[in-house]
């Protein structure tokens, strides 16, 4: 198993496991041979496609879908809660409702 150790992706995943399954589960998880890769989640998905990594809980659905569309034998399964990393947001220059967009940004 491999995880991306960049950004907050790994921390979000571990936090979700802690909230969902408890501290004992996370301690047992810590005893597994999980390899942190200092690469993006996209790069970890590429490692799965090449066969270097069997699975990763820090892979994004969008990466899997894009890879499958190009013929990769890769699947995305969500056996439980899926943490969301909302580290960025953009507002179109000529958004039809710019004030609503800014309220949404504030909400995030």
PDB file of N, CA and C in Angstrom:
ATOM      1  N   UNK A   1       0.846  -1.165   0.000  1.00  0.00           N
ATOM      2  CA  UNK A   1       0.000   0.000   0.000  1.00  0.00           C
ATOM      3  C   UNK A   1       0.894   1.232   0.000  1.00  0.00           C
ATOM      4  N   UNK A   2       0.464   2.251  -0.722  1.00  0.00           N
ATOM      5  CA  UNK A   2       1.236   3.486  -0.810  1.00  0.00           C
ATOM      6  C   UNK A   2       0.319   4.684  -0.622  1.00  0.00           C
ATOM      7  N   UNK A   3       0.874   5.749  -0.065  1.00  0.00           N
ATOM      8  CA  UNK A   3       0.126   6.998   0.068  1.00  0.00           C
ATOM      9  C   UNK A   3       0.996   8.149  -0.410  1.00  0.00           C
ATOM     10  N   UNK A   4       0.337   9.184  -0.884  1.00  0.00           N
ATOM     11  CA  UNK A   4       1.039  10.419  -1.214  1.00  0.00           C
ATOM     12  C   UNK A   4       1.275  11.164   0.086  1.00  0.00           C
ATOM     13  N   UNK A   5       2.505  11.573   0.327  1.00  0.00           N
ATOM     14  CA  UNK A   5       2.804  12.290   1.559  1.00  0.00           C
ATOM     15  C   UNK A   5       2.888  13.798   1.342  1.00  0.00           C
ATOM     16  N   UNK A   6       2.486  14.259   0.172  1.00  0.00           N
ATOM     17  CA  UNK A   6       2.470  15.691  -0.092  1.00  0.00           C
ATOM     18  C   UNK A   6       1.163  16.308   0.389  1.00  0.00           C
ATOM     19  N   UNK A   7       1.173  17.585   0.616  1.00  0.00           N
ATOM     20  CA  UNK A   7      -0.030  18.332   0.980  1.00  0.00           C
ATOM     21  C   UNK A   7      -0.653  17.744   2.238  1.00  0.00           C
ATOM     22  N   UNK A   8      -1.953  17.767   2.305  1.00  0.00           N
ATOM     23  CA  UNK A   8      -2.661  17.269   3.489  1.00  0.00           C
ATOM     24  C   UNK A   8      -3.419  15.981   3.184  1.00  0.00           C
ATOM     25  N   UNK A   9      -3.180  15.394   2.028  1.00  0.00           N
ATOM     26  CA  UNK A   9      -3.917  14.207   1.607  1.00  0.00           C
ATOM     27  C   UNK A   9      -3.788  13.071   2.610  1.00  0.00           C
ATOM     28  N   UNK A  10      -2.572  12.737   3.002  1.00  0.00           N
ATOM     29  CA  UNK A  10      -2.364  11.638   3.946  1.00  0.00           C
ATOM     30  C   UNK A  10      -2.962  11.966   5.310  1.00  0.00           C
ATOM     31  N   UNK A  11      -2.793  13.197   5.759  1.00  0.00           N
ATOM     32  CA  UNK A  11      -3.348  13.599   7.059  1.00  0.00           C
ATOM     33  C   UNK A  11      -4.871  13.522   7.049  1.00  0.00           C
ATOM     34  N   UNK A  12      -5.496  13.939   5.956  1.00  0.00           N
ATOM     35  CA  UNK A  12      -6.954  13.832   5.849  1.00  0.00           C
ATOM     36  C   UNK A  12      -7.404  12.381   5.913  1.00  0.00           C
ATOM     37  N   UNK A  13      -6.677  11.506   5.233  1.00  0.00           N
ATOM     38  CA  UNK A  13      -7.043  10.091   5.218  1.00  0.00           C
ATOM     39  C   UNK A  13      -6.899   9.475   6.613  1.00  0.00           C
ATOM     40  N   UNK A  14      -5.776   9.737   7.280  1.00  0.00           N
ATOM     41  CA  UNK A  14      -5.572   9.192   8.620  1.00  0.00           C
ATOM     42  C   UNK A  14      -6.615   9.762   9.581  1.00  0.00           C
ATOM     43  N   UNK A  15      -6.910  11.053   9.473  1.00  0.00           N
ATOM     44  CA  UNK A  15      -7.933  11.658  10.313  1.00  0.00           C
ATOM     45  C   UNK A  15      -9.301  11.032  10.106  1.00  0.00           C
ATOM     46  N   UNK A  16      -9.628  10.739   8.866  1.00  0.00           N
ATOM     47  CA  UNK A  16     -10.902  10.079   8.559  1.00  0.00           C
ATOM     48  C   UNK A  16     -10.940   8.681   9.166  1.00  0.00           C
ATOM     49  N   UNK A  17      -9.833   7.948   9.076  1.00  0.00           N
ATOM     50  CA  UNK A  17      -9.772   6.616   9.678  1.00  0.00           C
ATOM     51  C   UNK A  17      -9.917   6.705  11.192  1.00  0.00           C
ATOM     52  N   UNK A  18      -9.309   7.719  11.779  1.00  0.00           N
ATOM     53  CA  UNK A  18      -9.401   7.900  13.229  1.00  0.00           C
ATOM     54  C   UNK A  18     -10.838   8.172  13.657  1.00  0.00           C
ATOM     55  N   UNK A  19     -11.510   9.075  12.963  1.00  0.00           N
ATOM     56  CA  UNK A  19     -12.894   9.412  13.307  1.00  0.00           C
ATOM     57  C   UNK A  19     -13.860   8.262  13.025  1.00  0.00           C
ATOM     58  N   UNK A  20     -13.593   7.522  11.955  1.00  0.00           N
ATOM     59  CA  UNK A  20     -14.499   6.450  11.535  1.00  0.00           C
ATOM     60  C   UNK A  20     -14.278   5.152  12.303  1.00  0.00           C
ATOM     61  N   UNK A  21     -13.011   4.780  12.479  1.00  0.00           N
ATOM     62  CA  UNK A  21     -12.701   3.449  13.032  1.00  0.00           C
ATOM     63  C   UNK A  21     -12.058   3.475  14.420  1.00  0.00           C
ATOM     64  N   UNK A  22     -11.573   4.620  14.856  1.00  0.00           N
ATOM     65  CA  UNK A  22     -10.994   4.727  16.194  1.00  0.00           C
ATOM     66  C   UNK A  22      -9.494   4.573  16.242  1.00  0.00           C
ATOM     67  N   UNK A  23      -8.966   4.884  17.417  1.00  0.00           N
ATOM     68  CA  UNK A  23      -7.513   4.918  17.616  1.00  0.00           C
ATOM     69  C   UNK A  23      -6.868   3.535  17.493  1.00  0.00           C
ATOM     70  N   UNK A  24      -7.545   2.490  17.962  1.00  0.00           N
ATOM     71  CA  UNK A  24      -6.962   1.145  17.870  1.00  0.00           C
ATOM     72  C   UNK A  24      -6.750   0.735  16.415  1.00  0.00           C
ATOM     73  N   UNK A  25      -7.730   1.050  15.564  1.00  0.00           N
ATOM     74  CA  UNK A  25      -7.607   0.735  14.136  1.00  0.00           C
ATOM     75  C   UNK A  25      -6.426   1.484  13.528  1.00  0.00           C
ATOM     76  N   UNK A  26      -6.299   2.763  13.853  1.00  0.00           N
ATOM     77  CA  UNK A  26      -5.211   3.567  13.285  1.00  0.00           C
ATOM     78  C   UNK A  26      -3.860   3.053  13.783  1.00  0.00           C
ATOM     79  N   UNK A  27      -3.787   2.623  15.024  1.00  0.00           N
ATOM     80  CA  UNK A  27      -2.524   2.057  15.527  1.00  0.00           C
ATOM     81  C   UNK A  27      -2.166   0.778  14.771  1.00  0.00           C
ATOM     82  N   UNK A  28      -3.158  -0.090  14.516  1.00  0.00           N
ATOM     83  CA  UNK A  28      -2.912  -1.308  13.738  1.00  0.00           C
ATOM     84  C   UNK A  28      -2.522  -0.961  12.309  1.00  0.00           C
ATOM     85  N   UNK A  29      -3.172   0.059  11.775  1.00  0.00           N
ATOM     86  CA  UNK A  29      -2.841   0.529  10.429  1.00  0.00           C
ATOM     87  C   UNK A  29      -1.389   0.998  10.373  1.00  0.00           C
ATOM     88  N   UNK A  30      -0.945   1.643  11.440  1.00  0.00           N
ATOM     89  CA  UNK A  30       0.432   2.126  11.509  1.00  0.00           C
ATOM     90  C   UNK A  30       1.464   1.010  11.512  1.00  0.00           C
ATOM     91  N   UNK A  31       1.049  -0.197  11.866  1.00  0.00           N
ATOM     92  CA  UNK A  31       1.959  -1.341  11.876  1.00  0.00           C
ATOM     93  C   UNK A  31       2.101  -1.989  10.499  1.00  0.00           C
ATOM     94  N   UNK A  32       1.253  -1.588   9.567  1.00  0.00           N
ATOM     95  CA  UNK A  32       1.335  -2.120   8.202  1.00  0.00           C
ATOM     96  C   UNK A  32       2.524  -1.476   7.496  1.00  0.00           C
ATOM     97  N   UNK A  33       2.933  -2.072   6.430  1.00  0.00           N
ATOM     98  CA  UNK A  33       4.068  -1.531   5.680  1.00  0.00           C
ATOM     99  C   UNK A  33       3.567  -0.578   4.595  1.00  0.00           C
ATOM    100  N   UNK A  34       3.018   0.546   5.027  1.00  0.00           N
ATOM    101  CA  UNK A  34       2.519   1.563   4.094  1.00  0.00           C
ATOM    102  C   UNK A  34       3.703   2.434   3.685  1.00  0.00           C
ATOM    103  N   UNK A  35       3.887   2.581   2.381  1.00  0.00           N
ATOM    104  CA  UNK A  35       5.005   3.386   1.884  1.00  0.00           C
ATOM    105  C   UNK A  35       4.535   4.783   1.541  1.00  0.00           C
ATOM    106  N   UNK A  36       5.058   5.794   2.228  1.00  0.00           N
ATOM    107  CA  UNK A  36       4.745   7.166   1.837  1.00  0.00           C
ATOM    108  C   UNK A  36       5.648   7.589   0.670  1.00  0.00           C
ATOM    109  N   UNK A  37       5.044   8.109  -0.356  1.00  0.00           N
ATOM    110  CA  UNK A  37       5.792   8.619  -1.504  1.00  0.00           C
ATOM    111  C   UNK A  37       5.673  10.131  -1.518  1.00  0.00           C
ATOM    112  N   UNK A  38       6.781  10.802  -1.652  1.00  0.00           N
ATOM    113  CA  UNK A  38       6.767  12.265  -1.699  1.00  0.00           C
ATOM    114  C   UNK A  38       6.489  12.720  -3.129  1.00  0.00           C
ATOM    115  N   UNK A  39       5.343  12.279  -3.602  1.00  0.00           N
ATOM    116  CA  UNK A  39       4.876  12.629  -4.947  1.00  0.00           C
ATOM    117  C   UNK A  39       3.380  12.915  -4.849  1.00  0.00           C
ATOM    118  N   UNK A  40       2.821  13.458  -5.902  1.00  0.00           N
ATOM    119  CA  UNK A  40       1.403  13.767  -5.910  1.00  0.00           C
ATOM    120  C   UNK A  40       0.559  12.505  -5.964  1.00  0.00           C
ATOM    121  N   UNK A  41      -0.727  12.657  -5.660  1.00  0.00           N
ATOM    122  CA  UNK A  41      -1.662  11.526  -5.761  1.00  0.00           C
ATOM    123  C   UNK A  41      -1.726  11.023  -7.204  1.00  0.00           C
ATOM    124  N   UNK A  42      -1.591  11.924  -8.171  1.00  0.00           N
ATOM    125  CA  UNK A  42      -1.573  11.523  -9.586  1.00  0.00           C
ATOM    126  C   UNK A  42      -0.401  10.590  -9.850  1.00  0.00           C
ATOM    127  N   UNK A  43       0.760  10.927  -9.284  1.00  0.00           N
ATOM    128  CA  UNK A  43       1.954  10.097  -9.474  1.00  0.00           C
ATOM    129  C   UNK A  43       1.776   8.736  -8.807  1.00  0.00           C
ATOM    130  N   UNK A  44       1.108   8.693  -7.653  1.00  0.00           N
ATOM    131  CA  UNK A  44       0.835   7.411  -6.995  1.00  0.00           C
ATOM    132  C   UNK A  44      -0.098   6.574  -7.872  1.00  0.00           C
ATOM    133  N   UNK A  45      -1.088   7.213  -8.493  1.00  0.00           N
ATOM    134  CA  UNK A  45      -1.976   6.495  -9.420  1.00  0.00           C
ATOM    135  C   UNK A  45      -1.158   5.912 -10.574  1.00  0.00           C
ATOM    136  N   UNK A  46      -0.194   6.664 -11.061  1.00  0.00           N
ATOM    137  CA  UNK A  46       0.672   6.163 -12.133  1.00  0.00           C
ATOM    138  C   UNK A  46       1.482   4.956 -11.661  1.00  0.00           C
ATOM    139  N   UNK A  47       1.903   4.958 -10.383  1.00  0.00           N
ATOM    140  CA  UNK A  47       2.629   3.804  -9.841  1.00  0.00           C
ATOM    141  C   UNK A  47       1.724   2.575  -9.792  1.00  0.00           C
ATOM    142  N   UNK A  48       0.441   2.778  -9.521  1.00  0.00           N
ATOM    143  CA  UNK A  48      -0.500   1.648  -9.539  1.00  0.00           C
ATOM    144  C   UNK A  48      -0.686   1.143 -10.961  1.00  0.00           C
ATOM    145  N   UNK A  49      -0.801   2.049 -11.920  1.00  0.00           N
ATOM    146  CA  UNK A  49      -0.976   1.658 -13.316  1.00  0.00           C
ATOM    147  C   UNK A  49       0.223   0.840 -13.798  1.00  0.00           C
ATOM    148  N   UNK A  50       1.411   1.239 -13.387  1.00  0.00           N
ATOM    149  CA  UNK A  50       2.619   0.525 -13.817  1.00  0.00           C
ATOM    150  C   UNK A  50       2.830  -0.786 -13.061  1.00  0.00           C
ATOM    151  N   UNK A  51       2.050  -1.010 -11.992  1.00  0.00           N
ATOM    152  CA  UNK A  51       2.177  -2.243 -11.232  1.00  0.00           C
ATOM    153  C   UNK A  51       3.158  -2.165 -10.076  1.00  0.00           C
ATOM    154  N   UNK A  52       3.745  -0.999  -9.850  1.00  0.00           N
ATOM    155  CA  UNK A  52       4.708  -0.847  -8.761  1.00  0.00           C
ATOM    156  C   UNK A  52       4.025  -0.780  -7.395  1.00  0.00           C
ATOM    157  N   UNK A  53       2.759  -0.373  -7.370  1.00  0.00           N
ATOM    158  CA  UNK A  53       1.990  -0.242  -6.138  1.00  0.00           C
ATOM    159  C   UNK A  53       0.662  -0.962  -6.343  1.00  0.00           C
ATOM    160  N   UNK A  54       0.238  -1.749  -5.339  1.00  0.00           N
ATOM    161  CA  UNK A  54      -1.002  -2.514  -5.470  1.00  0.00           C
ATOM    162  C   UNK A  54      -2.235  -1.672  -5.192  1.00  0.00           C
ATOM    163  N   UNK A  55      -2.178  -0.799  -4.195  1.00  0.00           N
ATOM    164  CA  UNK A  55      -3.334   0.035  -3.884  1.00  0.00           C
ATOM    165  C   UNK A  55      -2.911   1.279  -3.128  1.00  0.00           C
ATOM    166  N   UNK A  56      -3.782   2.276  -3.160  1.00  0.00           N
ATOM    167  CA  UNK A  56      -3.524   3.520  -2.455  1.00  0.00           C
ATOM    168  C   UNK A  56      -4.842   4.132  -1.997  1.00  0.00           C
ATOM    169  N   UNK A  57      -4.959   4.419  -0.706  1.00  0.00           N
ATOM    170  CA  UNK A  57      -6.163   5.073  -0.214  1.00  0.00           C
ATOM    171  C   UNK A  57      -6.163   6.581  -0.465  1.00  0.00           C
ATOM    172  N   UNK A  58      -5.091   7.102  -1.033  1.00  0.00           N
ATOM    173  CA  UNK A  58      -5.012   8.541  -1.281  1.00  0.00           C
ATOM    174  C   UNK A  58      -5.048   8.874  -2.768  1.00  0.00           C
ATOM    175  N   UNK A  59      -5.732   8.038  -3.527  1.00  0.00           N
ATOM    176  CA  UNK A  59      -5.878   8.276  -4.965  1.00  0.00           C
ATOM    177  C   UNK A  59      -7.195   9.000  -5.221  1.00  0.00           C
ATOM    178  N   UNK A  60      -7.195   9.922  -6.142  1.00  0.00           N
ATOM    179  CA  UNK A  60      -8.391  10.704  -6.438  1.00  0.00           C
ATOM    180  C   UNK A  60      -9.224  10.023  -7.515  1.00  0.00           C
ATOM    181  N   UNK A  61     -10.525  10.093  -7.374  1.00  0.00           N
ATOM    182  CA  UNK A  61     -11.442   9.521  -8.352  1.00  0.00           C
ATOM    183  C   UNK A  61     -11.175  10.085  -9.747  1.00  0.00           C
ATOM    184  N   UNK A  62     -10.911  11.384  -9.822  1.00  0.00           N
ATOM    185  CA  UNK A  62     -10.675  12.006 -11.135  1.00  0.00           C
ATOM    186  C   UNK A  62      -9.456  11.404 -11.835  1.00  0.00           C
ATOM    187  N   UNK A  63      -8.425  11.050 -11.071  1.00  0.00           N
ATOM    188  CA  UNK A  63      -7.232  10.441 -11.672  1.00  0.00           C
ATOM    189  C   UNK A  63      -7.556   9.050 -12.216  1.00  0.00           C
ATOM    190  N   UNK A  64      -8.343   8.301 -11.462  1.00  0.00           N
ATOM    191  CA  UNK A  64      -8.708   6.953 -11.892  1.00  0.00           C
ATOM    192  C   UNK A  64      -9.573   7.015 -13.142  1.00  0.00           C
ATOM    193  N   UNK A  65     -10.566   7.903 -13.152  1.00  0.00           N
ATOM    194  CA  UNK A  65     -11.451   8.019 -14.314  1.00  0.00           C
ATOM    195  C   UNK A  65     -10.679   8.431 -15.559  1.00  0.00           C
ATOM    196  N   UNK A  66      -9.778   9.399 -15.420  1.00  0.00           N
ATOM    197  CA  UNK A  66      -8.990   9.845 -16.576  1.00  0.00           C
ATOM    198  C   UNK A  66      -8.093   8.717 -17.088  1.00  0.00           C
ATOM    199  N   UNK A  67      -7.515   7.962 -16.174  1.00  0.00           N
ATOM    200  CA  UNK A  67      -6.642   6.852 -16.571  1.00  0.00           C
ATOM    201  C   UNK A  67      -7.425   5.730 -17.235  1.00  0.00           C
ATOM    202  N   UNK A  68      -8.596   5.418 -16.694  1.00  0.00           N
ATOM    203  CA  UNK A  68      -9.440   4.368 -17.295  1.00  0.00           C
ATOM    204  C   UNK A  68      -9.890   4.768 -18.701  1.00  0.00           C
ATOM    205  N   UNK A  69     -10.162   6.057 -18.885  1.00  0.00           N
ATOM    206  CA  UNK A  69     -10.571   6.536 -20.210  1.00  0.00           C
ATOM    207  C   UNK A  69      -9.459   6.334 -21.235  1.00  0.00           C
ATOM    208  N   UNK A  70      -8.212   6.254 -20.759  1.00  0.00           N
ATOM    209  CA  UNK A  70      -7.075   6.019 -21.642  1.00  0.00           C
ATOM    210  C   UNK A  70      -6.663   4.552 -21.678  1.00  0.00           C
ATOM    211  N   UNK A  71      -7.495   3.669 -21.065  1.00  0.00           N
ATOM    212  CA  UNK A  71      -7.251   2.236 -21.144  1.00  0.00           C
ATOM    213  C   UNK A  71      -6.542   1.600 -19.963  1.00  0.00           C
ATOM    214  N   UNK A  72      -6.266   2.356 -18.913  1.00  0.00           N
ATOM    215  CA  UNK A  72      -5.587   1.783 -17.748  1.00  0.00           C
ATOM    216  C   UNK A  72      -6.514   0.830 -17.002  1.00  0.00           C
ATOM    217  N   UNK A  73      -5.950  -0.226 -16.474  1.00  0.00           N
ATOM    218  CA  UNK A  73      -6.734  -1.166 -15.673  1.00  0.00           C
ATOM    219  C   UNK A  73      -6.611  -0.748 -14.214  1.00  0.00           C
ATOM    220  N   UNK A  74      -7.432   0.197 -13.851  1.00  0.00           N
ATOM    221  CA  UNK A  74      -7.396   0.810 -12.531  1.00  0.00           C
ATOM    222  C   UNK A  74      -8.834   1.016 -12.083  1.00  0.00           C
ATOM    223  N   UNK A  75      -9.099   0.802 -10.815  1.00  0.00           N
ATOM    224  CA  UNK A  75     -10.460   0.989 -10.305  1.00  0.00           C
ATOM    225  C   UNK A  75     -10.423   1.838  -9.035  1.00  0.00           C
ATOM    226  N   UNK A  76     -11.528   2.488  -8.762  1.00  0.00           N
ATOM    227  CA  UNK A  76     -11.662   3.317  -7.557  1.00  0.00           C
ATOM    228  C   UNK A  76     -12.834   2.791  -6.757  1.00  0.00           C
ATOM    229  N   UNK A  77     -12.583   2.422  -5.510  1.00  0.00           N
ATOM    230  CA  UNK A  77     -13.614   1.883  -4.639  1.00  0.00           C
ATOM    231  C   UNK A  77     -13.616   2.686  -3.353  1.00  0.00           C
ATOM    232  N   UNK A  78     -14.787   3.102  -2.914  1.00  0.00           N
ATOM    233  CA  UNK A  78     -14.914   3.841  -1.656  1.00  0.00           C
ATOM    234  C   UNK A  78     -15.624   2.957  -0.642  1.00  0.00           C
ATOM    235  N   UNK A  79     -14.867   2.210   0.188  1.00  0.00           N
ATOM    236  CA  UNK A  79     -15.504   1.314   1.148  1.00  0.00           C
ATOM    237  C   UNK A  79     -16.092   2.024   2.358  1.00  0.00           C
ATOM    238  N   UNK A  80     -15.891   3.301   2.451  1.00  0.00           N
ATOM    239  CA  UNK A  80     -16.398   4.061   3.594  1.00  0.00           C
ATOM    240  C   UNK A  80     -16.337   5.543   3.291  1.00  0.00           C
ATOM    241  N   UNK A  81     -16.267   6.371   4.316  1.00  0.00           N
ATOM    242  CA  UNK A  81     -16.187   7.818   4.084  1.00  0.00           C
ATOM    243  C   UNK A  81     -14.961   8.198   3.248  1.00  0.00           C
ATOM    244  N   UNK A  82     -15.126   9.187   2.421  1.00  0.00           N
ATOM    245  CA  UNK A  82     -14.038   9.659   1.566  1.00  0.00           C
ATOM    246  C   UNK A  82     -13.677  11.077   1.989  1.00  0.00           C
ATOM    247  N   UNK A  83     -12.446  11.290   2.485  1.00  0.00           N
ATOM    248  CA  UNK A  83     -12.057  12.649   2.869  1.00  0.00           C
ATOM    249  C   UNK A  83     -11.898  13.528   1.630  1.00  0.00           C
ATOM    250  N   UNK A  84     -12.223  14.776   1.788  1.00  0.00           N
ATOM    251  CA  UNK A  84     -12.125  15.727   0.683  1.00  0.00           C
ATOM    252  C   UNK A  84     -11.041  16.746   1.014  1.00  0.00           C
ATOM    253  N   UNK A  85     -10.154  16.976   0.059  1.00  0.00           N
ATOM    254  CA  UNK A  85      -9.117  17.977   0.221  1.00  0.00           C
ATOM    255  C   UNK A  85      -9.524  19.205  -0.573  1.00  0.00           C
ATOM    256  N   UNK A  86      -9.950  20.233   0.125  1.00  0.00           N
ATOM    257  CA  UNK A  86     -10.380  21.455  -0.561  1.00  0.00           C
ATOM    258  C   UNK A  86      -9.363  22.564  -0.332  1.00  0.00           C
ATOM    259  N   UNK A  87      -8.214  22.397  -0.996  1.00  0.00           N
ATOM    260  CA  UNK A  87      -7.118  23.329  -0.782  1.00  0.00           C
ATOM    261  C   UNK A  87      -7.119  24.510  -1.739  1.00  0.00           C
ATOM    262  N   UNK A  88      -7.992  24.491  -2.726  1.00  0.00           N
ATOM    263  CA  UNK A  88      -8.024  25.621  -3.654  1.00  0.00           C
ATOM    264  C   UNK A  88      -9.402  25.752  -4.267  1.00  0.00           C
ATOM    265  N   UNK A  89      -9.692  26.942  -4.724  1.00  0.00           N
ATOM    266  CA  UNK A  89     -10.958  27.220  -5.393  1.00  0.00           C
ATOM    267  C   UNK A  89     -10.717  28.391  -6.348  1.00  0.00           C
ATOM    268  N   UNK A  90     -11.469  28.421  -7.423  1.00  0.00           N
ATOM    269  CA  UNK A  90     -11.328  29.507  -8.392  1.00  0.00           C
ATOM    270  C   UNK A  90     -12.704  30.065  -8.723  1.00  0.00           C
ATOM    271  N   UNK A  91     -12.739  31.346  -9.022  1.00  0.00           N
ATOM    272  CA  UNK A  91     -13.970  32.007  -9.446  1.00  0.00           C
ATOM    273  C   UNK A  91     -13.720  32.575 -10.839  1.00  0.00           C
ATOM    274  N   UNK A  92     -14.625  32.296 -11.755  1.00  0.00           N
ATOM    275  CA  UNK A  92     -14.486  32.789 -13.131  1.00  0.00           C
ATOM    276  C   UNK A  92     -14.495  34.318 -13.141  1.00  0.00           C
ATOM    277  N   UNK A  93     -13.734  34.899 -14.037  1.00  0.00           N
ATOM    278  CA  UNK A  93     -13.642  36.356 -14.136  1.00  0.00           C
ATOM    279  C   UNK A  93     -15.012  36.976 -14.394  1.00  0.00           C
ATOM    280  N   UNK A  94     -15.772  36.366 -15.278  1.00  0.00           N
ATOM    281  CA  UNK A  94     -17.090  36.904 -15.606  1.00  0.00           C
ATOM    282  C   UNK A  94     -18.188  35.957 -15.117  1.00  0.00           C
ATOM    283  N   UNK A  95     -18.101  35.610 -13.852  1.00  0.00           N
ATOM    284  CA  UNK A  95     -19.097  34.700 -13.274  1.00  0.00           C
ATOM    285  C   UNK A  95     -20.468  35.368 -13.332  1.00  0.00           C
ATOM    286  N   UNK A  96     -21.520  34.610 -13.662  1.00  0.00           N
ATOM    287  CA  UNK A  96     -22.850  35.208 -13.767  1.00  0.00           C
ATOM    288  C   UNK A  96     -23.377  35.719 -12.428  1.00  0.00           C
ATOM    289  N   UNK A  97     -22.911  35.115 -11.333  1.00  0.00           N
ATOM    290  CA  UNK A  97     -23.339  35.541  -9.994  1.00  0.00           C
ATOM    291  C   UNK A  97     -22.104  35.625  -9.089  1.00  0.00           C
ATOM    292  N   UNK A  98     -21.268  36.660  -9.272  1.00  0.00           N
ATOM    293  CA  UNK A  98     -19.986  36.725  -8.557  1.00  0.00           C
ATOM    294  C   UNK A  98     -20.146  36.806  -7.038  1.00  0.00           C
ATOM    295  N   UNK A  99     -21.174  37.452  -6.568  1.00  0.00           N
ATOM    296  CA  UNK A  99     -21.348  37.573  -5.112  1.00  0.00           C
ATOM    297  C   UNK A  99     -21.728  36.222  -4.500  1.00  0.00           C
ATOM    298  N   UNK A 100     -22.544  35.455  -5.197  1.00  0.00           N
ATOM    299  CA  UNK A 100     -22.881  34.111  -4.734  1.00  0.00           C
ATOM    300  C   UNK A 100     -21.624  33.228  -4.737  1.00  0.00           C
ATOM    301  N   UNK A 101     -20.787  33.413  -5.749  1.00  0.00           N
ATOM    302  CA  UNK A 101     -19.544  32.644  -5.828  1.00  0.00           C
ATOM    303  C   UNK A 101     -18.637  32.978  -4.638  1.00  0.00           C
ATOM    304  N   UNK A 102     -18.549  34.250  -4.293  1.00  0.00           N
ATOM    305  CA  UNK A 102     -17.717  34.645  -3.151  1.00  0.00           C
ATOM    306  C   UNK A 102     -18.278  34.114  -1.833  1.00  0.00           C
ATOM    307  N   UNK A 103     -19.601  34.073  -1.713  1.00  0.00           N
ATOM    308  CA  UNK A 103     -20.197  33.477  -0.520  1.00  0.00           C
ATOM    309  C   UNK A 103     -19.852  31.996  -0.418  1.00  0.00           C
ATOM    310  N   UNK A 104     -19.841  31.332  -1.574  1.00  0.00           N
ATOM    311  CA  UNK A 104     -19.482  29.924  -1.592  1.00  0.00           C
ATOM    312  C   UNK A 104     -18.017  29.741  -1.191  1.00  0.00           C
ATOM    313  N   UNK A 105     -17.139  30.611  -1.692  1.00  0.00           N
ATOM    314  CA  UNK A 105     -15.718  30.558  -1.318  1.00  0.00           C
ATOM    315  C   UNK A 105     -15.576  30.755   0.188  1.00  0.00           C
ATOM    316  N   UNK A 106     -16.286  31.714   0.742  1.00  0.00           N
ATOM    317  CA  UNK A 106     -16.251  31.923   2.200  1.00  0.00           C
ATOM    318  C   UNK A 106     -16.718  30.679   2.942  1.00  0.00           C
ATOM    319  N   UNK A 107     -17.744  30.020   2.438  1.00  0.00           N
ATOM    320  CA  UNK A 107     -18.264  28.809   3.051  1.00  0.00           C
ATOM    321  C   UNK A 107     -17.194  27.719   3.081  1.00  0.00           C
ATOM    322  N   UNK A 108     -16.482  27.562   1.939  1.00  0.00           N
ATOM    323  CA  UNK A 108     -15.438  26.531   1.883  1.00  0.00           C
ATOM    324  C   UNK A 108     -14.347  26.831   2.872  1.00  0.00           C
TER     325      UNK A 108
END
